[in-house]
Amino acid sequence: MSRLQADHLYKVFGRRPDEAVRRLVDGADREELRAEGTTAAVVDAGFVVEPGQIFVVMGLSGSGKSTLLRMLNGLLEPTAGRVLFDGDDLTALSPRDLRAVRSRRISMVFQHFALFPHRNVLENAAYGLEVQGVPRAERETRAAEALALCGLAGWEKSWPDELSGGMQQRVGLARALATDADLLLMDESFSALDPLIRRDMQDQLLVLQKQLKKTIVFITHDLNEAMRLGDRIAVMRDGRIVQLGTAEDILVRPADDYVASFIQDVDRSRVLTASAVMAAGAPAADCPEDCACRPVGPDTLVADLCAIAAGAPHPVTVEDTDGTVLGIVSPERLLGVMGGLGAHDATVKDVTTKGVEERRASTRDLGAESASTRDLGAESASARDLGAESADVKSSGAGSASTERASTAGVSAESAAANDSGAQPSAAKGGGTRNAPAKNGQEVTTGA
């Protein structure tokens, strides 16, 4: 049985929310409702969270992710839909039963710490147990154990204003863990922290998760944080979940341009693994006897895979724990992944192949253009040759005219001969043979 299930959740603020839900089901636009004074914060959200999973909901401000989180523990009542927690419908519980579930089985870590300034660190961490009615000695013991898990042993008697931001957030996390709740809700719990402290808190959460195996719903607007923490990720936009899947699914196969815009700056080498980029089912690569390479497991990060591939003269083999060959990873495939190929295609292989074919086609086109340029050069040279021949003919005609002016008798004789043969005397026109336009690269001579 799943730990948590959201079933067609809607949350509408404003007038006539039930009517607004019906219109949304019929295809009405969210902006259309907003123009009428109604805000659809969450629209038809649905997902399943399994026990022990970290489920991350990611989106920009105003996408509806925090509203969705508050419906999961009953802080906000859904306009439509159900929330199932261990099979029980939270939306059907009485207010008293719902408070009991929130106090004992669901804990929440807030973005801005929400510590009581008049209580010391130990008392803040024990507050949830105090609400449950746990005796003081027991709750202080359990709170101290939770603080130690979060790296705050020795700070029990300190006041909140004596702690750094990261330490205050650890107190909030210890308060949630002390109740030993089945479900942990974290609403942008690390977003107010400096980058280095945030990463330290992420590491802390992952270490705790290995020990405690809690079911966690984590809200964030930071994709790198979502990729690092989430077993599964839901991407929200305008109140709707636009994509749901693993980090690898979202990186390799984004649902639309909106999701693709999120992933363009993600460090893929720290998210994708060998199983996501390998050519599945391919035989093991041929390995020379003196080759020092080694196969990798399917969970090997691409960052580590690149270092191995750089020293191997052949594709890297991916093997299961029992030595079964799962596939291979070629250098071309790694380059495609690191370059962001595969963002809009079903597999990285398809995009890589497409890119190669496009480059080959481009090369062929360049070759054709080069050949065309050579042909044009040849035609230009031919035209220059024709011009030179024409100039030679004109020069020859001018020389003939000079000679024949020097001999009037010769001219008269040649003119008479030309008249007898029916031809026009070329010397009298000052230029021998007149050239007609070139046809098909050959000179045509005509009598005028």
Protein backbone atom coordinates (compact mmCIF):
# COMPACT_ATOMS: atom_id res chain seq x y z
CA MET A 1 0.00 0.00 0.00
CA SER A 2 1.23 3.49 -0.81
CA ARG A 3 2.00 5.86 2.04
CA LEU A 4 0.36 8.92 0.47
CA GLN A 5 -1.90 9.46 -2.52
CA ALA A 6 -3.30 12.67 -3.98
CA ASP A 7 -6.38 11.96 -6.09
CA HIS A 8 -7.55 14.73 -8.50
CA LEU A 9 -6.95 17.56 -6.02
CA TYR A 10 -8.35 21.05 -6.70
CA LYS A 11 -8.03 24.14 -4.57
CA VAL A 12 -9.91 27.27 -5.64
CA PHE A 13 -10.01 30.57 -3.74
CA GLY A 14 -12.76 33.08 -4.37
CA ARG A 15 -16.44 33.08 -5.22
CA ARG A 16 -18.33 29.92 -6.18
CA PRO A 17 -15.32 27.54 -5.99
CA ASP A 18 -17.39 24.44 -6.84
CA GLU A 19 -18.60 26.07 -10.05
CA ALA A 20 -15.01 27.04 -10.85
CA VAL A 21 -13.92 23.40 -10.49
CA ARG A 22 -16.64 22.29 -12.91
CA ARG A 23 -15.48 24.88 -15.41
CA LEU A 24 -11.87 23.75 -15.04
CA VAL A 25 -12.91 20.15 -15.65
CA ASP A 26 -14.72 21.31 -18.79
CA GLY A 27 -11.54 22.99 -20.04
CA ALA A 28 -11.78 26.56 -18.74
CA ASP A 29 -8.53 28.50 -18.56
CA ARG A 30 -7.01 29.51 -15.20
CA GLU A 31 -6.51 33.08 -16.41
CA GLU A 32 -10.15 33.27 -17.44
CA LEU A 33 -11.21 32.45 -13.86
CA ARG A 34 -8.72 34.93 -12.43
CA ALA A 35 -10.24 37.73 -14.50
CA GLU A 36 -13.52 36.98 -12.72
CA GLY A 37 -11.95 37.18 -9.25
CA THR A 38 -11.37 33.43 -8.72
CA THR A 39 -7.94 31.88 -8.22
CA ALA A 40 -7.35 28.23 -9.09
CA ALA A 41 -4.27 27.50 -6.96
CA VAL A 42 -4.15 23.74 -7.62
CA VAL A 43 -5.75 22.08 -10.63
CA ASP A 44 -6.26 18.30 -10.92
CA ALA A 45 -3.10 17.26 -9.03
CA GLY A 46 -2.51 13.56 -8.61
CA PHE A 47 0.45 11.42 -7.51
CA VAL A 48 1.48 8.51 -5.28
CA VAL A 49 4.29 8.47 -2.70
CA GLU A 50 5.64 5.10 -1.61
CA PRO A 51 6.98 4.39 1.91
CA GLY A 52 10.59 5.55 2.34
CA GLN A 53 10.56 7.83 -0.71
CA ILE A 54 11.63 11.45 -0.96
CA PHE A 55 9.01 12.98 -3.25
CA VAL A 56 9.93 16.48 -4.46
CA VAL A 57 7.41 19.04 -5.75
CA MET A 58 9.18 21.70 -7.78
CA GLY A 59 7.98 24.90 -9.42
CA LEU A 60 8.32 28.67 -9.57
CA SER A 61 6.67 31.00 -7.07
CA GLY A 62 2.92 30.98 -7.59
CA SER A 63 2.85 27.54 -9.19
CA GLY A 64 0.74 26.09 -6.33
CA LYS A 65 3.29 23.81 -4.69
CA SER A 66 2.93 25.15 -1.12
CA THR A 67 -0.86 25.13 -1.39
CA LEU A 68 -0.66 21.52 -2.49
CA LEU A 69 1.52 20.65 0.51
CA ARG A 70 -0.94 22.19 2.96
CA MET A 71 -3.75 20.06 1.57
CA LEU A 72 -1.72 16.92 2.25
CA ASN A 73 -1.97 17.37 6.04
CA GLY A 74 -5.36 19.07 6.17
CA LEU A 75 -4.18 22.62 6.88
CA LEU A 76 -6.15 23.54 3.75
CA GLU A 77 -9.30 21.71 2.77
CA PRO A 78 -9.39 20.67 -0.91
CA THR A 79 -12.17 22.14 -3.02
CA ALA A 80 -12.38 18.77 -4.76
CA GLY A 81 -10.48 15.49 -4.67
CA ARG A 82 -9.07 13.25 -1.92
CA VAL A 83 -5.90 12.77 0.10
CA LEU A 84 -5.28 9.16 1.13
CA PHE A 85 -2.80 8.54 3.96
CA ASP A 86 -2.11 4.86 4.56
CA GLY A 87 -5.43 4.18 2.86
CA ASP A 88 -7.43 6.58 5.04
CA ASP A 89 -9.18 9.54 3.42
CA LEU A 90 -7.96 12.61 5.33
CA THR A 91 -10.62 14.77 3.71
CA ALA A 92 -13.34 12.67 5.39
CA LEU A 93 -11.91 12.88 8.94
CA SER A 94 -13.46 14.98 11.66
CA PRO A 95 -11.46 18.01 12.87
CA ARG A 96 -10.51 16.16 16.06
CA ASP A 97 -9.28 13.06 14.24
CA LEU A 98 -7.40 15.21 11.75
CA ARG A 99 -5.58 17.04 14.55
CA ALA A 100 -4.60 13.69 16.05
CA VAL A 101 -3.11 12.58 12.72
CA ARG A 102 -1.18 15.83 12.37
CA SER A 103 0.21 15.69 15.90
CA ARG A 104 1.36 12.05 15.83
CA ARG A 105 1.78 10.79 12.27
CA ILE A 106 2.58 13.83 10.11
CA SER A 107 5.29 16.40 10.92
CA MET A 108 6.17 19.60 9.10
CA VAL A 109 9.39 21.60 8.68
CA PHE A 110 8.79 25.24 7.74
CA GLN A 111 10.83 27.57 5.54
CA HIS A 112 11.43 30.18 8.22
CA PHE A 113 12.26 27.83 11.13
CA ALA A 114 9.23 28.80 13.28
CA LEU A 115 11.14 28.45 16.57
CA PHE A 116 9.83 29.86 19.83
CA PRO A 117 12.24 32.60 20.93
CA HIS A 118 11.35 32.12 24.64
CA ARG A 119 12.22 28.40 24.57
CA ASN A 120 15.72 26.98 24.43
CA VAL A 121 16.88 24.52 21.76
CA LEU A 122 15.87 21.42 23.71
CA GLU A 123 12.42 22.79 24.53
CA ASN A 124 11.82 23.74 20.91
CA ALA A 125 12.82 20.27 19.72
CA ALA A 126 10.51 18.69 22.31
CA TYR A 127 7.48 20.83 21.47
CA GLY A 128 5.75 18.29 19.25
CA LEU A 129 6.05 15.65 21.94
CA GLU A 130 4.66 18.11 24.47
CA VAL A 131 1.57 18.57 22.27
CA GLN A 132 1.17 14.79 22.22
CA GLY A 133 1.19 14.70 26.02
CA VAL A 134 4.46 12.79 26.37
CA PRO A 135 5.94 13.05 29.89
CA ARG A 136 8.71 15.62 30.29
CA ALA A 137 11.57 13.20 31.00
CA GLU A 138 10.75 11.06 27.96
CA ARG A 139 10.26 13.98 25.60
CA GLU A 140 13.53 15.61 26.64
CA THR A 141 15.36 12.32 26.06
CA ARG A 142 13.82 11.87 22.62
CA ALA A 143 14.40 15.52 21.72
CA ALA A 144 18.07 15.26 22.74
CA GLU A 145 18.46 12.15 20.54
CA ALA A 146 16.90 14.00 17.58
CA LEU A 147 19.21 16.98 18.14
CA ALA A 148 22.22 14.64 18.17
CA LEU A 149 21.06 13.09 14.87
CA CYS A 150 20.97 16.61 13.39
CA GLY A 151 24.46 17.48 14.66
CA LEU A 152 23.38 19.72 17.56
CA ALA A 153 24.58 17.73 20.57
CA GLY A 154 25.78 20.18 23.22
CA TRP A 155 23.52 23.03 22.09
CA GLU A 156 20.46 21.94 24.05
CA LYS A 157 20.50 24.89 26.49
CA SER A 158 21.22 27.57 23.88
CA TRP A 159 18.62 30.08 22.68
CA PRO A 160 17.46 30.34 19.06
CA ASP A 161 19.02 33.78 18.55
CA GLU A 162 22.41 32.33 19.49
CA LEU A 163 22.34 29.95 16.52
CA SER A 164 23.14 30.45 12.85
CA GLY A 165 20.44 30.04 10.22
CA GLY A 166 21.56 26.53 9.39
CA MET A 167 21.58 25.53 13.06
CA GLN A 168 18.10 26.95 13.57
CA GLN A 169 16.85 24.89 10.63
CA ARG A 170 18.42 21.82 12.20
CA VAL A 171 16.39 22.49 15.33
CA GLY A 172 13.24 22.59 13.21
CA LEU A 173 14.23 19.30 11.57
CA ALA A 174 14.98 17.73 14.97
CA ARG A 175 11.54 18.85 16.22
CA ALA A 176 9.91 17.02 13.30
CA LEU A 177 12.03 13.88 13.76
CA ALA A 178 11.48 13.70 17.54
CA THR A 179 7.80 12.82 17.07
CA ASP A 180 8.79 9.77 14.97
CA ALA A 181 6.07 10.67 12.46
CA ASP A 182 5.41 8.46 9.42
CA LEU A 183 5.29 11.39 7.00
CA LEU A 184 7.55 14.45 6.92
CA LEU A 185 6.45 17.55 4.98
CA MET A 186 9.18 20.09 4.19
CA ASP A 187 8.10 23.43 2.70
CA GLU A 188 11.19 25.00 1.06
CA SER A 189 13.01 24.23 4.29
CA PHE A 190 16.48 25.06 2.94
CA SER A 191 15.71 27.94 0.57
CA ALA A 192 16.44 30.67 3.14
CA LEU A 193 19.96 29.35 3.77
CA ASP A 194 23.26 30.32 2.17
CA PRO A 195 24.40 27.97 -0.64
CA LEU A 196 27.09 26.20 1.40
CA ILE A 197 24.82 25.77 4.43
CA ARG A 198 22.01 24.59 2.14
CA ARG A 199 24.20 21.88 0.65
CA ASP A 200 25.27 20.84 4.13
CA MET A 201 21.61 20.50 5.14
CA GLN A 202 20.89 18.45 2.03
CA ASP A 203 23.73 16.12 2.97
CA GLN A 204 22.34 15.93 6.51
CA LEU A 205 18.89 15.02 5.23
CA LEU A 206 20.22 12.28 2.95
CA VAL A 207 22.25 10.77 5.81
CA LEU A 208 19.20 10.80 8.08
CA GLN A 209 17.07 9.26 5.35
CA LYS A 210 19.46 6.31 5.05
CA GLN A 211 19.10 5.70 8.77
CA LEU A 212 15.42 6.46 9.34
CA LYS A 213 13.77 5.63 5.97
CA LYS A 214 11.12 8.33 6.40
CA THR A 215 8.54 9.20 3.77
CA ILE A 216 9.21 12.83 2.82
CA VAL A 217 7.40 15.34 0.62
CA PHE A 218 9.87 18.14 -0.12
CA ILE A 219 8.90 21.48 -1.72
CA THR A 220 11.52 23.51 -3.61
CA HIS A 221 11.99 25.94 -6.50
CA ASP A 222 15.62 24.83 -6.99
CA LEU A 223 15.97 22.14 -9.67
CA ASN A 224 19.48 21.13 -8.60
CA GLU A 225 18.15 20.54 -5.09
CA ALA A 226 15.23 18.55 -6.48
CA MET A 227 17.53 16.41 -8.62
CA ARG A 228 19.85 15.77 -5.68
CA LEU A 229 17.20 14.81 -3.14
CA GLY A 230 14.23 13.42 -4.99
CA ASP A 231 13.50 9.78 -5.72
CA ARG A 232 10.62 11.13 -7.80
CA ILE A 233 9.87 14.70 -8.87
CA ALA A 234 6.66 16.53 -9.78
CA VAL A 235 7.08 19.75 -11.80
CA MET A 236 4.25 22.25 -11.34
CA ARG A 237 3.15 25.17 -13.49
CA ASP A 238 0.06 27.34 -13.01
CA GLY A 239 -1.40 24.94 -10.47
CA ARG A 240 -0.97 21.83 -12.61
CA ILE A 241 1.58 19.02 -12.49
CA VAL A 242 3.12 19.13 -15.97
CA GLN A 243 5.59 16.27 -15.49
CA LEU A 244 6.06 13.48 -12.97
CA GLY A 245 9.03 11.11 -12.94
CA THR A 246 12.57 10.44 -11.80
CA ALA A 247 15.37 12.96 -12.17
CA GLU A 248 16.72 11.00 -15.15
CA ASP A 249 13.29 10.94 -16.84
CA ILE A 250 12.97 14.71 -16.57
CA LEU A 251 16.52 15.38 -17.79
CA VAL A 252 16.37 13.04 -20.77
CA ARG A 253 12.70 13.40 -21.69
CA PRO A 254 11.25 16.77 -20.59
CA ALA A 255 7.52 16.98 -21.19
CA ASP A 256 7.54 20.43 -22.80
CA ASP A 257 9.54 23.61 -23.34
CA TYR A 258 8.71 24.84 -19.84
CA VAL A 259 10.39 21.81 -18.25
CA ALA A 260 13.25 21.99 -20.74
CA SER A 261 13.95 25.58 -19.67
CA PHE A 262 14.42 24.35 -16.11
CA ILE A 263 16.94 21.66 -16.95
CA GLN A 264 19.17 23.59 -19.36
CA ASP A 265 21.61 24.65 -16.61
CA VAL A 266 21.58 21.43 -14.58
CA ASP A 267 24.88 19.59 -14.11
CA ARG A 268 23.87 16.38 -15.90
CA SER A 269 27.05 14.58 -14.94
CA ARG A 270 25.97 14.66 -11.27
CA VAL A 271 22.45 13.40 -11.94
CA LEU A 272 22.45 10.93 -14.84
CA THR A 273 23.83 7.43 -14.36
CA ALA A 274 25.20 4.77 -16.67
CA SER A 275 21.82 3.04 -16.88
CA ALA A 276 20.27 6.21 -18.36
CA VAL A 277 22.84 6.72 -21.13
CA MET A 278 23.97 3.20 -22.06
CA ALA A 279 23.03 1.36 -25.25
CA ALA A 280 20.97 -1.33 -23.55
CA GLY A 281 21.39 -4.91 -24.76
CA ALA A 282 24.61 -4.23 -26.67
CA PRO A 283 27.36 -6.87 -26.26
CA ALA A 284 30.40 -6.16 -24.13
CA ALA A 285 33.12 -4.13 -25.83
CA ASP A 286 36.18 -5.96 -27.20
CA CYS A 287 38.93 -5.37 -24.72
CA PRO A 288 42.64 -5.89 -25.56
CA GLU A 289 44.60 -8.11 -23.18
CA ASP A 290 46.75 -5.22 -21.98
CA CYS A 291 43.76 -2.91 -21.39
CA ALA A 292 43.42 -1.71 -17.79
CA CYS A 293 39.76 -0.70 -18.09
CA ARG A 294 37.00 -2.07 -15.88
CA PRO A 295 33.22 -2.39 -16.22
CA VAL A 296 30.94 -0.06 -14.28
CA GLY A 297 27.66 -0.55 -12.45
CA PRO A 298 24.33 0.87 -13.67
CA ASP A 299 24.28 3.46 -10.86
CA THR A 300 27.66 4.97 -11.78
CA LEU A 301 27.36 8.72 -12.25
CA VAL A 302 28.20 10.14 -15.66
CA ALA A 303 30.86 12.32 -14.01
CA ASP A 304 32.71 9.18 -12.90
CA LEU A 305 31.96 7.46 -16.20
CA CYS A 306 33.68 10.22 -18.17
CA ALA A 307 36.93 9.69 -16.25
CA ILE A 308 36.82 5.95 -16.97
CA ALA A 309 35.92 6.42 -20.66
CA ALA A 310 38.81 8.88 -21.13
CA GLY A 311 41.33 6.12 -20.41
CA ALA A 312 39.63 3.35 -22.39
CA PRO A 313 40.22 2.77 -26.14
CA HIS A 314 36.71 1.32 -26.54
CA PRO A 315 33.16 1.82 -25.17
CA VAL A 316 32.72 1.20 -21.44
CA THR A 317 30.79 -1.94 -20.46
CA VAL A 318 27.95 -1.66 -17.93
CA GLU A 319 27.42 -4.74 -15.76
CA ASP A 320 25.00 -5.76 -13.03
CA THR A 321 26.22 -6.91 -9.62
CA ASP A 322 26.23 -10.53 -10.81
CA GLY A 323 28.39 -9.73 -13.86
CA THR A 324 25.54 -9.68 -16.39
CA VAL A 325 26.27 -7.28 -19.25
CA LEU A 326 23.53 -4.63 -19.40
CA GLY A 327 24.94 -2.50 -22.23
CA ILE A 328 27.77 -0.21 -23.27
CA VAL A 329 28.46 3.51 -23.20
CA SER A 330 30.41 4.99 -26.11
CA PRO A 331 32.36 8.28 -26.02
CA GLU A 332 29.94 9.73 -28.60
CA ARG A 333 27.01 9.04 -26.30
CA LEU A 334 28.75 10.67 -23.36
CA LEU A 335 29.49 13.77 -25.44
CA GLY A 336 25.87 13.94 -26.48
CA VAL A 337 24.68 13.78 -22.88
CA MET A 338 27.14 16.39 -21.62
CA GLY A 339 26.22 18.69 -24.50
CA GLY A 340 22.54 18.57 -23.60
CA LEU A 341 21.42 16.35 -26.49
CA GLY A 342 18.38 14.27 -25.81
CA ALA A 343 16.40 17.08 -24.18
CA HIS A 344 13.42 16.73 -26.54
CA ASP A 345 13.76 13.14 -27.69
CA ALA A 346 12.83 9.77 -26.31
CA THR A 347 16.41 8.59 -25.91
CA VAL A 348 19.88 10.05 -26.02
CA LYS A 349 20.74 7.57 -28.78
CA ASP A 350 18.13 8.96 -31.15
CA VAL A 351 19.39 12.50 -30.75
CA THR A 352 23.03 11.54 -31.09
CA THR A 353 22.29 9.64 -34.32
CA LYS A 354 20.23 12.53 -35.62
CA GLY A 355 23.06 14.94 -34.89
CA VAL A 356 25.57 12.78 -36.76
CA GLU A 357 23.27 12.54 -39.78
CA GLU A 358 22.72 16.31 -39.77
CA ARG A 359 26.46 16.92 -39.69
CA ARG A 360 26.96 14.46 -42.56
CA ALA A 361 24.22 16.15 -44.60
CA SER A 362 25.77 19.53 -43.89
CA THR A 363 29.12 18.23 -45.10
CA ARG A 364 27.53 16.94 -48.31
CA ASP A 365 25.86 20.31 -48.88
CA LEU A 366 29.19 22.11 -48.38
CA GLY A 367 30.81 19.75 -50.88
CA ALA A 368 28.10 20.47 -53.43
CA GLU A 369 28.51 24.20 -52.92
CA SER A 370 32.26 23.86 -53.39
CA ALA A 371 31.77 21.93 -56.63
CA SER A 372 29.33 24.59 -57.80
CA THR A 373 31.91 27.26 -57.03
CA ARG A 374 34.51 25.38 -59.10
CA ASP A 375 32.06 25.15 -62.02
CA LEU A 376 31.41 28.88 -61.83
CA GLY A 377 35.15 29.49 -61.85
CA ALA A 378 35.53 27.35 -64.94
CA GLU A 379 32.72 29.22 -66.70
CA SER A 380 34.35 32.55 -65.78
CA ALA A 381 37.69 31.38 -67.17
CA SER A 382 35.96 30.25 -70.38
CA ALA A 383 34.35 33.66 -70.72
CA ARG A 384 37.73 35.34 -70.29
CA ASP A 385 39.20 33.08 -73.02
CA LEU A 386 36.37 34.00 -75.38
CA GLY A 387 37.00 37.68 -74.71
CA ALA A 388 40.68 37.24 -75.46
CA GLU A 389 39.92 35.47 -78.77
CA SER A 390 37.56 38.28 -79.73
CA ALA A 391 40.24 40.86 -78.97
CA ASP A 392 42.70 38.91 -81.13
CA VAL A 393 40.25 38.94 -84.01
CA LYS A 394 39.77 42.71 -83.70
CA SER A 395 43.52 43.28 -83.59
CA SER A 396 43.90 41.15 -86.68
CA GLY A 397 41.23 43.23 -88.45
CA ALA A 398 42.95 46.50 -87.50
CA GLY A 399 46.26 45.24 -88.90
CA SER A 400 44.65 44.19 -92.12
CA ALA A 401 43.10 47.64 -92.52
CA SER A 402 46.51 49.38 -92.18
CA THR A 403 48.08 47.13 -94.75
CA GLU A 404 45.32 47.62 -97.25
CA ARG A 405 45.32 51.46 -96.86
CA ALA A 406 48.95 51.40 -97.83
CA SER A 407 48.06 49.65 -101.10
CA THR A 408 45.07 51.28 -102.80
CA ALA A 409 45.39 48.99 -105.75
CA GLY A 410 45.28 45.95 -103.52
CA VAL A 411 42.16 47.23 -101.83
CA SER A 412 40.43 47.84 -105.12
CA ALA A 413 41.35 44.41 -106.33
CA GLU A 414 40.20 42.70 -103.17
CA SER A 415 36.96 44.74 -103.16
CA ALA A 416 36.25 43.69 -106.70
CA ALA A 417 36.96 40.09 -105.81
CA ALA A 418 34.68 40.34 -102.82
CA ASN A 419 31.88 41.77 -104.93
CA ASP A 420 32.28 39.00 -107.44
CA SER A 421 31.98 36.35 -104.67
CA GLY A 422 28.96 38.02 -103.01
CA ALA A 423 30.82 38.82 -99.77
CA GLN A 424 31.13 42.20 -97.99
CA PRO A 425 34.71 43.48 -97.93
CA SER A 426 35.88 43.05 -94.36
CA ALA A 427 38.86 45.37 -94.79
CA ALA A 428 36.61 48.31 -95.72
CA LYS A 429 34.73 47.80 -92.43
CA GLY A 430 37.99 47.83 -90.50
CA GLY A 431 37.79 44.49 -88.82
CA GLY A 432 38.03 41.11 -90.53
CA THR A 433 35.40 38.68 -89.14
CA ARG A 434 32.63 39.87 -86.76
CA ASN A 435 31.93 37.62 -83.75
CA ALA A 436 28.42 36.51 -82.82
CA PRO A 437 27.47 35.75 -79.19
CA ALA A 438 28.97 32.58 -77.73
CA LYS A 439 26.70 29.55 -77.58
CA ASN A 440 27.41 26.67 -75.20
CA GLY A 441 30.96 27.89 -74.65
CA GLN A 442 31.90 27.95 -78.40
CA GLU A 443 32.56 31.03 -80.55
CA VAL A 444 30.31 31.48 -83.60
CA THR A 445 31.60 33.54 -86.56
CA THR A 446 29.28 35.05 -89.09
CA GLY A 447 29.59 37.18 -92.16
CA ALA A 448 27.85 40.52 -91.98
